[in-house]
Amino acid sequence: MHHTHQHTRHGNSGHQPDHGHDGRHEHSDSGQAEILDLDAEVLAEHTASITAWLPLKEQPRQIVDLGCGTGAGTFALLERFPDAHITAVDTSAEHLQLLREKACARGVQGRVRTVQADLDNDDWPDLGRPDLVWASASMHHMAHPHSALRNVRGLLAPGALFAVVELAGVPRFLPAHAPENRPGLEERAHAATGSFHAGHVPHRGADWGPMLTAAGFTVEDERTLTVHIEGARSEAIGRYAYGVLQRIRSVAAPALSPEDLAALDELLDTSSPTSLLHREDLAVRTERTVWAARPA
């Protein structure tokens, strides 16, 4: 979901508004898994375009997906590189179980190995010698990203590629004039989570270029994709908006005015005709940045 990604020491299920992928859990991961699945469905075309863009010298045979979540990147990479085998790594046993079930349903279980590991630990498990390491919306969750980057560098075969994909924060869904009774509510709700995120996910929105260079990589290319998907394209967008804003509410509530909180609760009331699930003016608006780097 990295996420594209992060957490502090409590990860993407306990830490609501950020839908990242490494899953240290204070609560169940199931709500997080649903968000990651919706994220994968809604952003599938963009993920495919990133895998097609990667500046590879040859087709990778061994790929590692770091902070794989429920497998958005894993399955995009399996489709893009039909001869590749992927090692999918996450801290969440539940996410990895869901990924294995999907792999079986798609008949690709022989090409996927799952590894449960906390990537903030210095002693990583044996992840082989990959030609490509993919980290989508996961690096920003690391408490010690510099250490993790050095570990990635140690994994890579000569000439191999490291792709870091990150979303520019949490997607926006509502038009600026919505909801009618409290225009601009969504931005105020995001602003209300700012101090939480500054303390809990300090690397979200970071420029990974200098950090990659400091860890011994050469950044070969970088690109930012603007994501704008109209709600009419997919009914999943309403459910995605609902899941994301529900998580934002859990953090933003204390800082919102009573009027804003009431308006947000109305959007989240599934029985209301003005619920997010019924709105026809939603869109997914965000940016994704990709850094492609090789060991220097």
Protein backbone atom coordinates (compact mmCIF):
# COMPACT_ATOMS: atom_id res chain seq x y z
CA MET A 1 0.00 0.00 0.00
CA HIS A 2 3.53 1.28 0.29
CA HIS A 3 2.85 2.29 0.48
CA THR A 4 3.51 4.37 -1.48
CA HIS A 5 4.93 4.16 2.52
CA GLN A 6 5.11 3.69 6.21
CA HIS A 7 4.87 3.60 10.19
CA THR A 8 6.24 4.07 13.37
CA ARG A 9 6.54 1.40 15.71
CA HIS A 10 3.02 0.44 15.34
CA GLY A 11 2.34 -0.03 11.77
CA ASN A 12 -0.39 0.22 9.37
CA SER A 13 -3.21 -1.44 11.12
CA GLY A 14 -2.93 0.19 14.49
CA HIS A 15 -1.96 3.43 12.84
CA GLN A 16 -5.14 4.21 11.06
CA PRO A 17 -4.97 6.94 8.46
CA ASP A 18 -1.89 5.79 6.67
CA HIS A 19 -2.61 2.76 4.57
CA GLY A 20 0.86 1.30 4.46
CA HIS A 21 2.13 -2.17 4.34
CA ASP A 22 4.26 -3.46 7.05
CA GLY A 23 1.60 -4.24 9.55
CA ARG A 24 2.81 -4.03 13.11
CA HIS A 25 -0.49 -4.57 14.74
CA GLU A 26 -2.19 -3.30 17.82
CA HIS A 27 -5.55 -4.19 16.32
CA SER A 28 -6.60 -6.75 13.75
CA ASP A 29 -5.06 -6.38 10.31
CA SER A 30 -8.31 -7.24 8.55
CA GLY A 31 -9.51 -3.64 8.15
CA GLN A 32 -6.07 -2.72 6.89
CA ALA A 33 -6.11 -5.64 4.47
CA GLU A 34 -9.37 -4.40 2.98
CA ILE A 35 -7.88 -0.95 2.42
CA LEU A 36 -4.79 -2.46 0.78
CA ASP A 37 -6.97 -4.58 -1.51
CA LEU A 38 -9.03 -1.53 -2.52
CA ASP A 39 -5.83 0.46 -3.02
CA ALA A 40 -4.54 -2.31 -5.30
CA GLU A 41 -7.78 -2.47 -7.29
CA VAL A 42 -8.18 1.29 -7.77
CA LEU A 43 -4.50 1.98 -8.56
CA ALA A 44 -3.90 -1.17 -10.65
CA GLU A 45 -3.34 0.68 -13.94
CA HIS A 46 -0.85 3.04 -12.31
CA THR A 47 1.02 0.15 -10.70
CA ALA A 48 1.21 -1.63 -14.06
CA SER A 49 2.55 1.53 -15.71
CA ILE A 50 5.29 1.76 -13.07
CA THR A 51 6.35 -1.87 -13.56
CA ALA A 52 6.45 -1.25 -17.33
CA TRP A 53 8.59 1.87 -16.86
CA LEU A 54 11.29 0.32 -14.66
CA PRO A 55 14.72 0.85 -16.31
CA LEU A 56 15.78 -2.80 -16.28
CA LYS A 57 18.76 -4.09 -18.20
CA GLU A 58 17.21 -7.54 -18.53
CA GLN A 59 14.13 -9.37 -17.31
CA PRO A 60 14.44 -10.06 -13.58
CA ARG A 61 14.33 -13.69 -12.44
CA GLN A 62 14.39 -13.14 -8.68
CA ILE A 63 12.36 -10.29 -7.17
CA VAL A 64 11.89 -9.25 -3.55
CA ASP A 65 8.76 -7.27 -2.61
CA LEU A 66 9.52 -5.49 0.69
CA GLY A 67 6.49 -4.62 2.80
CA CYS A 68 4.26 -6.45 0.33
CA GLY A 69 0.98 -6.01 2.22
CA THR A 70 -1.69 -8.14 0.59
CA GLY A 71 0.20 -8.35 -2.70
CA ALA A 72 -0.65 -5.37 -4.93
CA GLY A 73 2.94 -5.09 -6.15
CA THR A 74 3.62 -8.82 -6.00
CA PHE A 75 0.89 -9.66 -8.50
CA ALA A 76 1.62 -6.69 -10.75
CA LEU A 77 5.25 -7.84 -10.93
CA LEU A 78 4.32 -11.50 -11.54
CA GLU A 79 2.16 -10.37 -14.45
CA ARG A 80 4.80 -8.06 -15.87
CA PHE A 81 7.65 -10.60 -15.53
CA PRO A 82 6.23 -14.05 -16.32
CA ASP A 83 9.53 -15.87 -15.70
CA ALA A 84 10.20 -14.28 -12.31
CA HIS A 85 9.90 -15.73 -8.82
CA ILE A 86 9.00 -13.33 -6.02
CA THR A 87 9.84 -13.34 -2.32
CA ALA A 88 7.10 -11.32 -0.59
CA VAL A 89 8.11 -9.91 2.80
CA ASP A 90 5.85 -8.35 5.44
CA THR A 91 5.51 -8.20 9.22
CA SER A 92 1.84 -9.17 9.12
CA ALA A 93 1.07 -12.90 9.13
CA GLU A 94 -2.52 -12.10 8.15
CA HIS A 95 -1.47 -10.09 5.10
CA LEU A 96 0.89 -12.86 3.99
CA GLN A 97 -1.84 -15.47 4.42
CA LEU A 98 -4.17 -13.42 2.21
CA LEU A 99 -1.39 -13.06 -0.35
CA ARG A 100 -0.82 -16.84 -0.40
CA GLU A 101 -4.57 -17.44 -0.86
CA LYS A 102 -4.63 -15.03 -3.80
CA ALA A 103 -1.56 -16.69 -5.33
CA CYS A 104 -3.31 -20.08 -5.14
CA ALA A 105 -6.50 -18.66 -6.64
CA ARG A 106 -4.47 -17.26 -9.54
CA GLY A 107 -2.43 -20.43 -9.98
CA VAL A 108 0.91 -18.70 -9.34
CA GLN A 109 1.67 -20.14 -5.90
CA GLY A 110 4.74 -21.89 -7.31
CA ARG A 111 6.27 -18.49 -8.13
CA VAL A 112 5.73 -16.86 -4.73
CA ARG A 113 7.51 -17.37 -1.43
CA THR A 114 6.32 -15.44 1.64
CA VAL A 115 8.60 -14.39 4.49
CA GLN A 116 7.37 -12.85 7.72
CA ALA A 117 9.97 -10.38 9.00
CA ASP A 118 10.26 -7.01 10.70
CA LEU A 119 12.43 -4.99 8.34
CA ASP A 120 13.46 -2.66 11.16
CA ASN A 121 15.48 -5.51 12.65
CA ASP A 122 19.10 -5.45 11.56
CA ASP A 123 19.30 -9.18 10.98
CA TRP A 124 17.15 -9.77 7.93
CA PRO A 125 16.27 -13.32 6.88
CA ASP A 126 17.88 -14.79 3.78
CA LEU A 127 16.10 -13.16 0.84
CA GLY A 128 18.41 -14.53 -1.84
CA ARG A 129 20.20 -12.41 -4.48
CA PRO A 130 17.40 -10.56 -6.25
CA ASP A 131 17.71 -8.80 -9.60
CA LEU A 132 14.94 -6.40 -8.51
CA VAL A 133 13.82 -5.18 -5.09
CA TRP A 134 10.44 -3.43 -5.03
CA ALA A 135 9.32 -1.35 -2.03
CA SER A 136 5.96 0.33 -2.53
CA ALA A 137 4.53 2.47 0.27
CA SER A 138 6.65 0.58 2.77
CA MET A 139 9.92 2.46 3.23
CA HIS A 140 8.31 5.42 4.98
CA HIS A 141 7.04 3.09 7.69
CA MET A 142 10.57 2.18 8.73
CA ALA A 143 11.80 3.51 12.06
CA HIS A 144 15.36 3.24 10.71
CA PRO A 145 15.14 3.66 6.92
CA HIS A 146 18.89 4.31 6.53
CA SER A 147 19.64 0.92 8.03
CA ALA A 148 16.97 -0.75 5.86
CA LEU A 149 18.42 0.88 2.73
CA ARG A 150 21.88 -0.43 3.56
CA ASN A 151 20.39 -3.90 4.04
CA VAL A 152 18.76 -3.68 0.59
CA ARG A 153 22.08 -2.68 -0.93
CA GLY A 154 23.66 -5.75 0.63
CA LEU A 155 21.01 -7.99 -0.95
CA LEU A 156 21.31 -6.84 -4.52
CA ALA A 157 23.15 -8.73 -7.21
CA PRO A 158 25.53 -6.59 -9.30
CA GLY A 159 23.56 -4.41 -11.70
CA ALA A 160 20.29 -5.16 -9.93
CA LEU A 161 17.61 -2.50 -9.51
CA PHE A 162 15.92 -1.11 -6.40
CA ALA A 163 12.54 0.56 -7.01
CA VAL A 164 11.08 2.73 -4.24
CA VAL A 165 7.47 3.79 -4.83
CA GLU A 166 5.76 6.26 -2.50
CA LEU A 167 2.41 8.01 -2.47
CA ALA A 168 2.40 11.72 -1.71
CA GLY A 169 0.40 11.31 1.47
CA VAL A 170 -3.13 9.98 1.70
CA PRO A 171 -5.32 10.27 -1.41
CA ARG A 172 -8.05 12.91 -1.61
CA PHE A 173 -11.54 11.94 -2.76
CA LEU A 174 -14.05 14.78 -2.36
CA PRO A 175 -14.34 17.90 -4.53
CA ALA A 176 -13.32 21.09 -2.71
CA HIS A 177 -16.92 22.33 -2.41
CA ALA A 178 -18.05 19.14 -0.64
CA PRO A 179 -19.78 18.30 1.53
CA GLU A 180 -22.35 20.98 0.82
CA ASN A 181 -22.79 21.92 4.47
CA ARG A 182 -19.04 21.98 5.30
CA PRO A 183 -16.96 22.72 2.15
CA GLY A 184 -13.26 21.89 2.50
CA LEU A 185 -13.91 19.32 5.23
CA GLU A 186 -11.52 16.75 3.78
CA GLU A 187 -8.52 19.11 3.86
CA ARG A 188 -9.32 20.16 7.43
CA ALA A 189 -9.53 16.50 8.47
CA HIS A 190 -6.11 15.86 6.91
CA ALA A 191 -4.67 18.94 8.60
CA ALA A 192 -5.99 17.64 11.92
CA THR A 193 -3.84 14.50 11.52
CA GLY A 194 -0.68 16.48 10.78
CA SER A 195 0.91 16.44 14.22
CA PHE A 196 0.10 12.75 14.60
CA HIS A 197 1.86 11.94 11.35
CA ALA A 198 4.81 14.18 12.12
CA GLY A 199 5.41 12.10 15.24
CA HIS A 200 4.45 8.67 13.94
CA VAL A 201 5.48 8.61 10.28
CA PRO A 202 8.23 11.22 9.98
CA HIS A 203 9.50 9.82 6.67
CA ARG A 204 6.18 10.05 4.85
CA GLY A 205 6.54 12.36 1.85
CA ALA A 206 10.34 12.20 2.10
CA ASP A 207 12.67 12.67 -0.84
CA TRP A 208 14.27 9.24 -1.04
CA GLY A 209 16.90 10.33 -3.57
CA PRO A 210 19.45 11.71 -1.06
CA MET A 211 18.81 8.81 1.33
CA LEU A 212 19.43 6.29 -1.44
CA THR A 213 22.66 8.07 -2.39
CA ALA A 214 23.81 8.11 1.25
CA ALA A 215 23.16 4.35 1.48
CA GLY A 216 25.45 3.62 -1.49
CA PHE A 217 23.03 3.73 -4.42
CA THR A 218 23.08 5.68 -7.65
CA VAL A 219 19.62 7.02 -8.48
CA GLU A 220 19.26 6.22 -12.16
CA ASP A 221 15.83 7.73 -12.70
CA GLU A 222 12.93 9.29 -10.84
CA ARG A 223 9.42 10.07 -11.97
CA THR A 224 6.23 11.37 -10.42
CA LEU A 225 2.87 10.16 -11.69
CA THR A 226 -0.23 12.24 -11.15
CA VAL A 227 -3.12 9.98 -10.19
CA HIS A 228 -6.63 11.20 -10.97
CA ILE A 229 -9.26 8.48 -11.27
CA GLU A 230 -12.90 9.52 -11.58
CA GLY A 231 -15.31 7.69 -9.31
CA ALA A 232 -17.45 6.67 -12.25
CA ARG A 233 -14.60 4.40 -13.35
CA SER A 234 -14.92 2.04 -10.41
CA GLU A 235 -17.43 1.38 -7.65
CA ALA A 236 -14.47 0.48 -5.45
CA ILE A 237 -13.61 4.17 -5.14
CA GLY A 238 -16.53 4.82 -2.76
CA ARG A 239 -15.42 1.94 -0.53
CA TYR A 240 -11.81 3.08 -0.73
CA ALA A 241 -12.76 6.65 0.26
CA TYR A 242 -14.89 5.30 3.09
CA GLY A 243 -12.10 3.13 4.48
CA VAL A 244 -9.48 5.88 4.29
CA LEU A 245 -11.67 8.61 5.81
CA GLN A 246 -12.84 6.26 8.55
CA ARG A 247 -9.21 5.83 9.59
CA ILE A 248 -8.54 9.55 9.36
CA ARG A 249 -11.52 10.20 11.62
CA SER A 250 -10.03 8.05 14.38
CA VAL A 251 -7.01 10.35 14.58
CA ALA A 252 -8.52 13.69 13.51
CA ALA A 253 -11.63 13.65 15.74
CA PRO A 254 -10.15 15.48 18.77
CA ALA A 255 -8.89 18.35 16.60
CA LEU A 256 -12.06 18.84 14.49
CA SER A 257 -14.84 21.28 15.26
CA PRO A 258 -18.14 19.68 16.33
CA GLU A 259 -19.66 20.80 13.01
CA ASP A 260 -16.87 19.20 10.98
CA LEU A 261 -17.03 15.99 13.00
CA ALA A 262 -20.80 15.78 12.49
CA ALA A 263 -20.37 16.33 8.74
CA LEU A 264 -17.65 13.67 8.59
CA ASP A 265 -19.83 11.22 10.51
CA GLU A 266 -22.62 11.84 8.03
CA LEU A 267 -20.28 10.95 5.16
CA LEU A 268 -19.34 7.77 7.04
CA ASP A 269 -22.95 6.83 7.89
CA THR A 270 -23.66 4.00 5.47
CA SER A 271 -27.42 4.40 5.95
CA SER A 272 -27.33 8.06 4.92
CA PRO A 273 -28.16 9.02 1.32
CA THR A 274 -25.16 11.38 1.48
CA SER A 275 -22.78 8.60 2.52
CA LEU A 276 -19.48 8.33 0.67
CA LEU A 277 -20.71 4.99 -0.67
CA HIS A 278 -23.49 6.78 -2.59
CA ARG A 279 -21.74 9.94 -3.82
CA GLU A 280 -21.18 10.26 -7.55
CA ASP A 281 -18.65 13.10 -7.37
CA LEU A 282 -15.72 11.19 -5.88
CA ALA A 283 -12.30 10.82 -7.50
CA VAL A 284 -8.94 9.50 -6.34
CA ARG A 285 -6.37 12.30 -6.43
CA THR A 286 -2.78 11.80 -5.40
CA GLU A 287 0.74 11.50 -6.75
CA ARG A 288 3.12 8.57 -6.79
CA THR A 289 6.87 9.02 -7.05
CA VAL A 290 9.23 6.24 -8.13
CA TRP A 291 12.97 6.19 -7.56
CA ALA A 292 14.98 3.63 -9.57
CA ALA A 293 18.41 3.03 -8.09
CA ARG A 294 21.37 0.68 -8.46
CA PRO A 295 24.24 -0.08 -6.11
CA ALA A 296 26.91 2.55 -6.76
